[in-house]
Amino acid sequence: MATVRAVVAGVAAHDPSICSRLFTQHYVESVNGLKRATALSRCRQQVGAFRGKLSLVRIDQVQGNNRAAIVQFVTTLSSKTTMQILQLVRSGESWKVYAALRRTR
């Protein structure tokens, strides 16, 4: 799924625009516990400061409909492999991350 690929690439490239382009406000607030513009600012800081070699290994499963989807995928971060599950929601013509459901190593 293109959104997951874009999120991983954006984090790896330290691109803070992913915080508003690919994440819902709900996700940004739930990740850092802050609200509104403060949450978005913190997300941008964290993505900009990210260090490590992150890459997408594969997308294992996509389930959903035209409004919401669950995506299971595998990444590596500094040679540690992690299986992740994200909930995505449709936002206009694109998809955004709504929630991180699980992360296992």
N, C-alpha and C. Protein backbone atom coordinates (compact mmCIF):
# COMPACT_ATOMS: atom_id res chain seq x y z
N MET A 1 0.84 -1.18 0.00
CA MET A 1 0.00 0.00 0.00
C MET A 1 0.88 1.24 0.00
N ALA A 2 0.55 2.17 -0.85
CA ALA A 2 1.39 3.35 -1.09
C ALA A 2 1.58 4.20 0.17
N THR A 3 0.57 4.31 1.01
CA THR A 3 0.69 5.15 2.21
C THR A 3 1.74 4.60 3.16
N VAL A 4 1.76 3.30 3.38
CA VAL A 4 2.75 2.70 4.26
C VAL A 4 4.15 2.91 3.69
N ARG A 5 4.30 2.71 2.40
CA ARG A 5 5.60 2.95 1.77
C ARG A 5 6.03 4.41 1.95
N ALA A 6 5.10 5.33 1.78
CA ALA A 6 5.40 6.75 1.92
C ALA A 6 5.75 7.12 3.36
N VAL A 7 5.07 6.51 4.34
CA VAL A 7 5.37 6.78 5.74
C VAL A 7 6.79 6.31 6.06
N VAL A 8 7.12 5.09 5.69
CA VAL A 8 8.46 4.56 5.98
C VAL A 8 9.53 5.42 5.27
N ALA A 9 9.29 5.75 4.02
CA ALA A 9 10.25 6.58 3.28
C ALA A 9 10.36 7.98 3.91
N GLY A 10 9.25 8.54 4.34
CA GLY A 10 9.26 9.86 4.96
C GLY A 10 10.01 9.89 6.28
N VAL A 11 9.80 8.87 7.10
CA VAL A 11 10.53 8.78 8.37
C VAL A 11 12.02 8.62 8.09
N ALA A 12 12.35 7.71 7.17
CA ALA A 12 13.76 7.46 6.83
C ALA A 12 14.44 8.71 6.28
N ALA A 13 13.69 9.57 5.58
CA ALA A 13 14.24 10.78 4.98
C ALA A 13 14.13 11.99 5.91
N HIS A 14 13.63 11.78 7.12
CA HIS A 14 13.47 12.88 8.10
C HIS A 14 12.57 13.98 7.55
N ASP A 15 11.50 13.60 6.87
CA ASP A 15 10.60 14.55 6.23
C ASP A 15 9.44 14.88 7.16
N PRO A 16 9.47 16.02 7.84
CA PRO A 16 8.42 16.36 8.80
C PRO A 16 7.05 16.59 8.17
N SER A 17 6.98 16.76 6.86
CA SER A 17 5.67 16.98 6.22
C SER A 17 4.76 15.77 6.34
N ILE A 18 5.33 14.58 6.63
CA ILE A 18 4.46 13.39 6.76
C ILE A 18 3.50 13.53 7.93
N CYS A 19 3.84 14.35 8.91
CA CYS A 19 2.99 14.49 10.09
C CYS A 19 1.61 15.03 9.73
N SER A 20 1.53 15.93 8.76
CA SER A 20 0.23 16.44 8.34
C SER A 20 -0.26 15.79 7.05
N ARG A 21 0.68 15.32 6.23
CA ARG A 21 0.33 14.74 4.94
C ARG A 21 -0.15 13.31 5.03
N LEU A 22 0.45 12.52 5.95
CA LEU A 22 0.16 11.08 6.00
C LEU A 22 -0.41 10.60 7.33
N PHE A 23 -0.42 11.45 8.35
CA PHE A 23 -0.96 11.08 9.66
C PHE A 23 -2.21 11.90 9.95
N THR A 24 -3.23 11.26 10.54
CA THR A 24 -4.39 12.01 11.00
C THR A 24 -4.02 12.75 12.28
N GLN A 25 -4.80 13.76 12.61
CA GLN A 25 -4.59 14.49 13.87
C GLN A 25 -4.75 13.53 15.05
N HIS A 26 -5.70 12.60 14.94
CA HIS A 26 -5.90 11.59 15.99
C HIS A 26 -4.62 10.82 16.25
N TYR A 27 -3.96 10.36 15.19
CA TYR A 27 -2.73 9.60 15.34
C TYR A 27 -1.64 10.45 15.98
N VAL A 28 -1.44 11.65 15.47
CA VAL A 28 -0.39 12.54 15.98
C VAL A 28 -0.60 12.80 17.47
N GLU A 29 -1.84 13.05 17.87
CA GLU A 29 -2.13 13.32 19.28
C GLU A 29 -1.97 12.07 20.14
N SER A 30 -2.36 10.93 19.63
CA SER A 30 -2.28 9.70 20.42
C SER A 30 -0.85 9.22 20.61
N VAL A 31 0.02 9.52 19.66
CA VAL A 31 1.41 9.07 19.75
C VAL A 31 2.19 9.86 20.81
N ASN A 32 1.95 11.17 20.87
CA ASN A 32 2.77 11.96 21.79
C ASN A 32 2.00 12.54 22.98
N GLY A 33 0.70 12.30 23.06
CA GLY A 33 -0.08 12.74 24.21
C GLY A 33 -0.37 14.23 24.27
N LEU A 34 -0.05 14.95 23.22
CA LEU A 34 -0.31 16.39 23.16
C LEU A 34 -1.52 16.65 22.29
N LYS A 35 -1.95 17.90 22.23
CA LYS A 35 -3.15 18.25 21.46
C LYS A 35 -2.83 19.28 20.38
N ARG A 36 -3.64 19.28 19.35
CA ARG A 36 -3.67 20.23 18.26
C ARG A 36 -2.29 20.61 17.69
N ALA A 37 -2.02 21.91 17.60
CA ALA A 37 -0.79 22.38 16.96
C ALA A 37 0.46 21.92 17.72
N THR A 38 0.35 21.80 19.04
CA THR A 38 1.50 21.34 19.83
C THR A 38 1.86 19.90 19.46
N ALA A 39 0.85 19.07 19.26
CA ALA A 39 1.09 17.67 18.87
C ALA A 39 1.74 17.61 17.49
N LEU A 40 1.25 18.41 16.57
CA LEU A 40 1.81 18.43 15.21
C LEU A 40 3.26 18.93 15.23
N SER A 41 3.52 19.95 16.02
CA SER A 41 4.88 20.46 16.13
C SER A 41 5.83 19.41 16.71
N ARG A 42 5.39 18.69 17.73
CA ARG A 42 6.23 17.64 18.33
C ARG A 42 6.48 16.53 17.32
N CYS A 43 5.46 16.14 16.56
CA CYS A 43 5.64 15.11 15.53
C CYS A 43 6.71 15.55 14.53
N ARG A 44 6.61 16.77 14.08
CA ARG A 44 7.59 17.28 13.10
C ARG A 44 9.00 17.27 13.68
N GLN A 45 9.12 17.64 14.94
CA GLN A 45 10.43 17.62 15.59
C GLN A 45 10.98 16.20 15.66
N GLN A 46 10.11 15.25 16.06
CA GLN A 46 10.55 13.87 16.22
C GLN A 46 10.96 13.25 14.89
N VAL A 47 10.18 13.48 13.85
CA VAL A 47 10.52 12.94 12.54
C VAL A 47 11.81 13.58 12.03
N GLY A 48 11.94 14.87 12.21
CA GLY A 48 13.15 15.57 11.77
C GLY A 48 14.40 15.10 12.50
N ALA A 49 14.23 14.69 13.75
CA ALA A 49 15.37 14.25 14.56
C ALA A 49 15.62 12.74 14.49
N PHE A 50 14.78 12.02 13.76
CA PHE A 50 14.90 10.56 13.70
C PHE A 50 16.27 10.15 13.17
N ARG A 51 16.87 9.21 13.86
CA ARG A 51 18.15 8.67 13.42
C ARG A 51 18.03 7.15 13.38
N GLY A 52 18.64 6.59 12.44
CA GLY A 52 18.57 5.14 12.26
C GLY A 52 18.28 4.82 10.82
N LYS A 53 18.58 3.64 10.42
CA LYS A 53 18.36 3.20 9.05
C LYS A 53 17.07 2.39 9.01
N LEU A 54 15.99 3.04 8.59
CA LEU A 54 14.67 2.41 8.52
C LEU A 54 14.36 2.03 7.09
N SER A 55 13.88 0.79 6.91
CA SER A 55 13.46 0.38 5.57
C SER A 55 12.27 -0.57 5.65
N LEU A 56 11.48 -0.54 4.60
CA LEU A 56 10.33 -1.43 4.48
C LEU A 56 10.81 -2.75 3.90
N VAL A 57 10.52 -3.85 4.58
CA VAL A 57 10.89 -5.17 4.08
C VAL A 57 9.79 -5.70 3.17
N ARG A 58 8.54 -5.67 3.69
CA ARG A 58 7.42 -6.17 2.89
C ARG A 58 6.10 -5.76 3.53
N ILE A 59 5.06 -5.77 2.72
CA ILE A 59 3.70 -5.61 3.21
C ILE A 59 3.09 -7.00 3.17
N ASP A 60 2.67 -7.49 4.34
CA ASP A 60 2.16 -8.85 4.44
C ASP A 60 0.67 -8.97 4.17
N GLN A 61 -0.11 -8.01 4.65
CA GLN A 61 -1.55 -8.17 4.55
C GLN A 61 -2.24 -6.81 4.56
N VAL A 62 -3.28 -6.67 3.75
CA VAL A 62 -4.11 -5.48 3.73
C VAL A 62 -5.56 -5.94 3.78
N GLN A 63 -6.31 -5.44 4.76
CA GLN A 63 -7.73 -5.77 4.88
C GLN A 63 -8.50 -4.48 5.04
N GLY A 64 -9.65 -4.39 4.41
CA GLY A 64 -10.46 -3.21 4.60
C GLY A 64 -11.45 -2.98 3.49
N ASN A 65 -11.94 -1.75 3.45
CA ASN A 65 -12.90 -1.36 2.44
C ASN A 65 -12.49 0.01 1.90
N ASN A 66 -13.41 0.73 1.31
CA ASN A 66 -13.03 2.01 0.70
C ASN A 66 -12.95 3.16 1.71
N ARG A 67 -13.18 2.88 3.01
CA ARG A 67 -13.11 3.93 4.05
C ARG A 67 -12.01 3.69 5.08
N ALA A 68 -11.67 2.43 5.34
CA ALA A 68 -10.68 2.10 6.37
C ALA A 68 -9.96 0.82 6.00
N ALA A 69 -8.73 0.70 6.46
CA ALA A 69 -7.94 -0.51 6.17
C ALA A 69 -6.97 -0.78 7.31
N ILE A 70 -6.66 -2.05 7.46
CA ILE A 70 -5.63 -2.50 8.40
C ILE A 70 -4.49 -3.05 7.55
N VAL A 71 -3.28 -2.56 7.80
CA VAL A 71 -2.12 -2.99 7.01
C VAL A 71 -1.07 -3.58 7.95
N GLN A 72 -0.68 -4.80 7.65
CA GLN A 72 0.38 -5.48 8.40
C GLN A 72 1.62 -5.48 7.52
N PHE A 73 2.75 -5.01 8.09
CA PHE A 73 3.97 -4.90 7.30
C PHE A 73 5.19 -5.11 8.19
N VAL A 74 6.33 -5.29 7.55
CA VAL A 74 7.57 -5.56 8.27
C VAL A 74 8.60 -4.50 7.88
N THR A 75 9.28 -3.96 8.90
CA THR A 75 10.35 -2.99 8.67
C THR A 75 11.62 -3.48 9.35
N THR A 76 12.72 -2.88 8.94
CA THR A 76 13.97 -3.06 9.68
C THR A 76 14.43 -1.68 10.12
N LEU A 77 14.92 -1.61 11.33
CA LEU A 77 15.49 -0.39 11.87
C LEU A 77 16.83 -0.76 12.48
N SER A 78 17.88 -0.25 11.86
CA SER A 78 19.24 -0.57 12.32
C SER A 78 19.41 -2.07 12.52
N SER A 79 19.00 -2.84 11.54
CA SER A 79 19.08 -4.30 11.42
C SER A 79 18.17 -5.08 12.39
N LYS A 80 17.23 -4.43 13.06
CA LYS A 80 16.22 -5.14 13.86
C LYS A 80 14.92 -5.18 13.07
N THR A 81 14.37 -6.37 12.92
CA THR A 81 13.15 -6.55 12.15
C THR A 81 11.93 -6.43 13.07
N THR A 82 10.92 -5.68 12.60
CA THR A 82 9.72 -5.45 13.38
C THR A 82 8.49 -5.61 12.51
N MET A 83 7.49 -6.37 12.99
CA MET A 83 6.21 -6.48 12.32
C MET A 83 5.29 -5.41 12.93
N GLN A 84 4.65 -4.64 12.08
CA GLN A 84 3.78 -3.56 12.55
C GLN A 84 2.42 -3.66 11.90
N ILE A 85 1.43 -3.13 12.61
CA ILE A 85 0.07 -3.08 12.07
C ILE A 85 -0.44 -1.65 12.25
N LEU A 86 -0.87 -1.04 11.15
CA LEU A 86 -1.44 0.30 11.20
C LEU A 86 -2.87 0.28 10.70
N GLN A 87 -3.69 1.12 11.30
CA GLN A 87 -5.05 1.34 10.80
C GLN A 87 -5.01 2.62 9.98
N LEU A 88 -5.47 2.54 8.75
CA LEU A 88 -5.53 3.69 7.86
C LEU A 88 -6.98 4.07 7.60
N VAL A 89 -7.21 5.36 7.38
CA VAL A 89 -8.54 5.84 7.00
C VAL A 89 -8.42 6.69 5.75
N ARG A 90 -9.48 6.66 4.96
CA ARG A 90 -9.49 7.47 3.75
C ARG A 90 -9.75 8.92 4.15
N SER A 91 -8.96 9.80 3.54
CA SER A 91 -9.10 11.24 3.75
C SER A 91 -9.15 11.87 2.37
N GLY A 92 -10.34 12.13 1.88
CA GLY A 92 -10.50 12.61 0.51
C GLY A 92 -10.11 11.52 -0.45
N GLU A 93 -9.14 11.79 -1.30
CA GLU A 93 -8.67 10.81 -2.28
C GLU A 93 -7.47 10.01 -1.79
N SER A 94 -6.98 10.31 -0.60
CA SER A 94 -5.78 9.63 -0.10
C SER A 94 -6.08 8.87 1.19
N TRP A 95 -5.06 8.20 1.70
CA TRP A 95 -5.16 7.45 2.95
C TRP A 95 -4.20 8.05 3.97
N LYS A 96 -4.63 8.01 5.25
CA LYS A 96 -3.78 8.51 6.33
C LYS A 96 -3.75 7.50 7.47
N VAL A 97 -2.67 7.53 8.25
CA VAL A 97 -2.54 6.66 9.41
C VAL A 97 -3.45 7.19 10.51
N TYR A 98 -4.32 6.32 11.02
CA TYR A 98 -5.24 6.66 12.10
C TYR A 98 -4.74 6.11 13.44
N ALA A 99 -4.17 4.92 13.43
CA ALA A 99 -3.72 4.30 14.69
C ALA A 99 -2.66 3.25 14.41
N ALA A 100 -1.75 3.11 15.38
CA ALA A 100 -0.79 2.00 15.38
C ALA A 100 -1.39 0.93 16.28
N LEU A 101 -1.67 -0.23 15.72
CA LEU A 101 -2.37 -1.27 16.49
C LEU A 101 -1.43 -2.22 17.18
N ARG A 102 -0.29 -2.50 16.58
CA ARG A 102 0.63 -3.45 17.22
C ARG A 102 2.00 -3.36 16.59
N ARG A 103 2.99 -3.62 17.42
CA ARG A 103 4.38 -3.66 16.95
C ARG A 103 5.06 -4.80 17.69
N THR A 104 5.61 -5.75 16.96
CA THR A 104 6.33 -6.86 17.59
C THR A 104 7.67 -7.05 16.91
N ARG A 105 8.62 -7.52 17.66
CA ARG A 105 9.97 -7.73 17.11
C ARG A 105 10.19 -9.20 16.85
